[in-house]
């Protein structure tokens, strides 16, 4: 069973984005390749990670 995680885009640095879990304040920011993220992301956007895919959270 896959877990659903929620992130916020903290910053975008070239080909990578720094993501912060919104449901776990103690989690360290995560560096993710932009190729794995929706093309239309920007700082402050909320993302949902489910079944090994990121999508913009509604």
N, C-alpha and C. Protein backbone atom coordinates (compact mmCIF):
# COMPACT_ATOMS: atom_id res chain seq x y z
N UNK A 1 0.84 -1.19 0.00
CA UNK A 1 0.00 0.00 0.00
C UNK A 1 0.88 1.25 0.00
N UNK A 2 0.55 2.20 -0.83
CA UNK A 2 1.33 3.42 -0.92
C UNK A 2 0.81 4.46 0.05
N UNK A 3 1.73 5.22 0.60
CA UNK A 3 1.40 6.29 1.53
C UNK A 3 1.20 7.58 0.74
N UNK A 4 0.29 8.44 1.20
CA UNK A 4 0.09 9.75 0.59
C UNK A 4 0.77 10.78 1.47
N UNK A 5 1.67 11.58 0.87
CA UNK A 5 2.40 12.61 1.59
C UNK A 5 2.11 13.96 0.96
N UNK A 6 2.17 15.00 1.77
CA UNK A 6 1.91 16.35 1.29
C UNK A 6 3.14 17.23 1.51
N UNK A 7 3.45 18.02 0.50
CA UNK A 7 4.64 18.88 0.52
C UNK A 7 4.27 20.29 0.08
N UNK A 8 5.14 21.23 0.44
CA UNK A 8 5.07 22.59 -0.07
C UNK A 8 6.41 22.87 -0.73
N UNK A 9 6.39 23.55 -1.88
CA UNK A 9 7.62 23.92 -2.58
C UNK A 9 8.22 25.12 -1.85
N UNK A 10 9.37 24.91 -1.22
CA UNK A 10 10.04 25.99 -0.49
C UNK A 10 10.82 26.89 -1.43
N UNK A 11 11.56 26.27 -2.36
CA UNK A 11 12.36 27.05 -3.31
C UNK A 11 12.66 26.19 -4.53
N UNK A 12 12.99 26.89 -5.61
CA UNK A 12 13.37 26.22 -6.85
C UNK A 12 14.77 26.71 -7.19
N UNK A 13 15.67 25.76 -7.43
CA UNK A 13 17.06 26.09 -7.72
C UNK A 13 17.49 25.31 -8.95
N UNK A 14 17.36 25.94 -10.11
CA UNK A 14 17.74 25.28 -11.36
C UNK A 14 16.87 24.06 -11.64
N UNK A 15 17.51 22.90 -11.71
CA UNK A 15 16.80 21.66 -12.04
C UNK A 15 16.24 20.94 -10.81
N UNK A 16 16.30 21.59 -9.65
CA UNK A 16 15.84 20.96 -8.42
C UNK A 16 14.89 21.86 -7.65
N UNK A 17 14.05 21.25 -6.82
CA UNK A 17 13.16 21.99 -5.94
C UNK A 17 13.32 21.45 -4.53
N UNK A 18 13.26 22.34 -3.56
CA UNK A 18 13.29 21.96 -2.16
C UNK A 18 11.86 21.85 -1.67
N UNK A 19 11.50 20.68 -1.18
CA UNK A 19 10.14 20.43 -0.70
C UNK A 19 10.15 20.21 0.80
N UNK A 20 9.12 20.70 1.47
CA UNK A 20 8.96 20.52 2.92
C UNK A 20 7.64 19.81 3.17
N UNK A 21 7.69 18.74 3.98
CA UNK A 21 6.45 18.04 4.34
C UNK A 21 5.55 18.98 5.12
N UNK A 22 4.29 19.03 4.78
CA UNK A 22 3.34 19.89 5.50
C UNK A 22 2.67 19.15 6.64
N UNK A 23 2.78 17.83 6.65
CA UNK A 23 2.13 17.04 7.70
C UNK A 23 3.11 16.55 8.76
N UNK A 24 4.40 16.94 8.65
CA UNK A 24 5.42 16.52 9.61
C UNK A 24 6.42 17.65 9.76
N UNK A 25 6.22 18.51 10.74
CA UNK A 25 7.06 19.70 10.89
C UNK A 25 8.51 19.36 11.25
N UNK A 26 8.77 18.14 11.73
CA UNK A 26 10.14 17.77 12.09
C UNK A 26 10.93 17.19 10.91
N UNK A 27 10.27 16.96 9.79
CA UNK A 27 10.95 16.38 8.63
C UNK A 27 11.88 17.40 7.98
N UNK A 28 13.03 16.93 7.54
CA UNK A 28 13.99 17.78 6.83
C UNK A 28 13.46 18.09 5.42
N UNK A 29 13.81 19.26 4.87
CA UNK A 29 13.44 19.53 3.47
C UNK A 29 14.05 18.47 2.55
N UNK A 30 13.38 18.22 1.46
CA UNK A 30 13.77 17.18 0.52
C UNK A 30 14.09 17.82 -0.83
N UNK A 31 15.23 17.47 -1.40
CA UNK A 31 15.64 17.98 -2.71
C UNK A 31 15.15 17.00 -3.77
N UNK A 32 14.35 17.50 -4.72
CA UNK A 32 13.74 16.65 -5.74
C UNK A 32 14.02 17.24 -7.12
N UNK A 33 14.37 16.39 -8.06
CA UNK A 33 14.59 16.84 -9.45
C UNK A 33 13.29 17.38 -10.02
N UNK A 34 13.35 18.52 -10.68
CA UNK A 34 12.15 19.13 -11.25
C UNK A 34 11.51 18.25 -12.32
N UNK A 35 12.29 17.38 -12.93
CA UNK A 35 11.75 16.48 -13.95
C UNK A 35 10.69 15.55 -13.35
N UNK A 36 10.74 15.33 -12.04
CA UNK A 36 9.77 14.46 -11.38
C UNK A 36 8.53 15.21 -10.91
N UNK A 37 8.54 16.53 -11.04
CA UNK A 37 7.45 17.37 -10.52
C UNK A 37 6.62 17.95 -11.67
N UNK A 38 5.39 18.37 -11.38
CA UNK A 38 4.59 19.02 -12.43
C UNK A 38 5.31 20.25 -12.97
N UNK A 39 5.21 20.48 -14.26
CA UNK A 39 5.94 21.58 -14.92
C UNK A 39 5.53 22.95 -14.39
N UNK A 40 4.30 23.10 -13.93
CA UNK A 40 3.79 24.42 -13.55
C UNK A 40 4.01 24.77 -12.08
N UNK A 41 4.93 24.09 -11.39
CA UNK A 41 5.16 24.41 -9.98
C UNK A 41 5.83 25.76 -9.82
N UNK A 42 5.62 26.37 -8.67
CA UNK A 42 6.32 27.59 -8.27
C UNK A 42 6.42 27.56 -6.75
N UNK A 43 7.19 28.47 -6.19
CA UNK A 43 7.37 28.50 -4.73
C UNK A 43 6.02 28.71 -4.06
N UNK A 44 5.78 27.94 -3.00
CA UNK A 44 4.53 28.05 -2.25
C UNK A 44 3.45 27.08 -2.68
N UNK A 45 3.63 26.45 -3.82
CA UNK A 45 2.63 25.48 -4.32
C UNK A 45 2.62 24.25 -3.42
N UNK A 46 1.44 23.72 -3.17
CA UNK A 46 1.28 22.49 -2.38
C UNK A 46 1.23 21.30 -3.34
N UNK A 47 1.94 20.24 -2.97
CA UNK A 47 2.00 19.03 -3.79
C UNK A 47 1.53 17.82 -2.99
N UNK A 48 0.97 16.87 -3.71
CA UNK A 48 0.61 15.58 -3.12
C UNK A 48 1.47 14.52 -3.78
N UNK A 49 2.05 13.64 -2.97
CA UNK A 49 2.88 12.54 -3.48
C UNK A 49 2.14 11.25 -3.17
N UNK A 50 1.78 10.55 -4.24
CA UNK A 50 1.00 9.33 -4.09
C UNK A 50 1.34 8.40 -5.24
N UNK A 51 1.50 7.13 -4.94
CA UNK A 51 1.82 6.12 -5.94
C UNK A 51 3.02 6.52 -6.79
N UNK A 52 4.05 7.03 -6.09
CA UNK A 52 5.33 7.40 -6.70
C UNK A 52 5.22 8.54 -7.71
N UNK A 53 4.20 9.41 -7.57
CA UNK A 53 4.04 10.56 -8.46
C UNK A 53 3.66 11.80 -7.66
N UNK A 54 4.18 12.93 -8.11
CA UNK A 54 3.82 14.21 -7.50
C UNK A 54 2.74 14.86 -8.36
N UNK A 55 1.76 15.49 -7.70
CA UNK A 55 0.76 16.28 -8.41
C UNK A 55 0.39 17.46 -7.54
N UNK A 56 -0.11 18.51 -8.18
CA UNK A 56 -0.51 19.70 -7.42
C UNK A 56 -1.74 19.34 -6.59
N UNK A 57 -1.68 19.67 -5.30
CA UNK A 57 -2.78 19.36 -4.38
C UNK A 57 -3.91 20.36 -4.60
N UNK A 58 -5.12 19.87 -4.55
CA UNK A 58 -6.31 20.73 -4.72
C UNK A 58 -6.57 21.53 -3.47
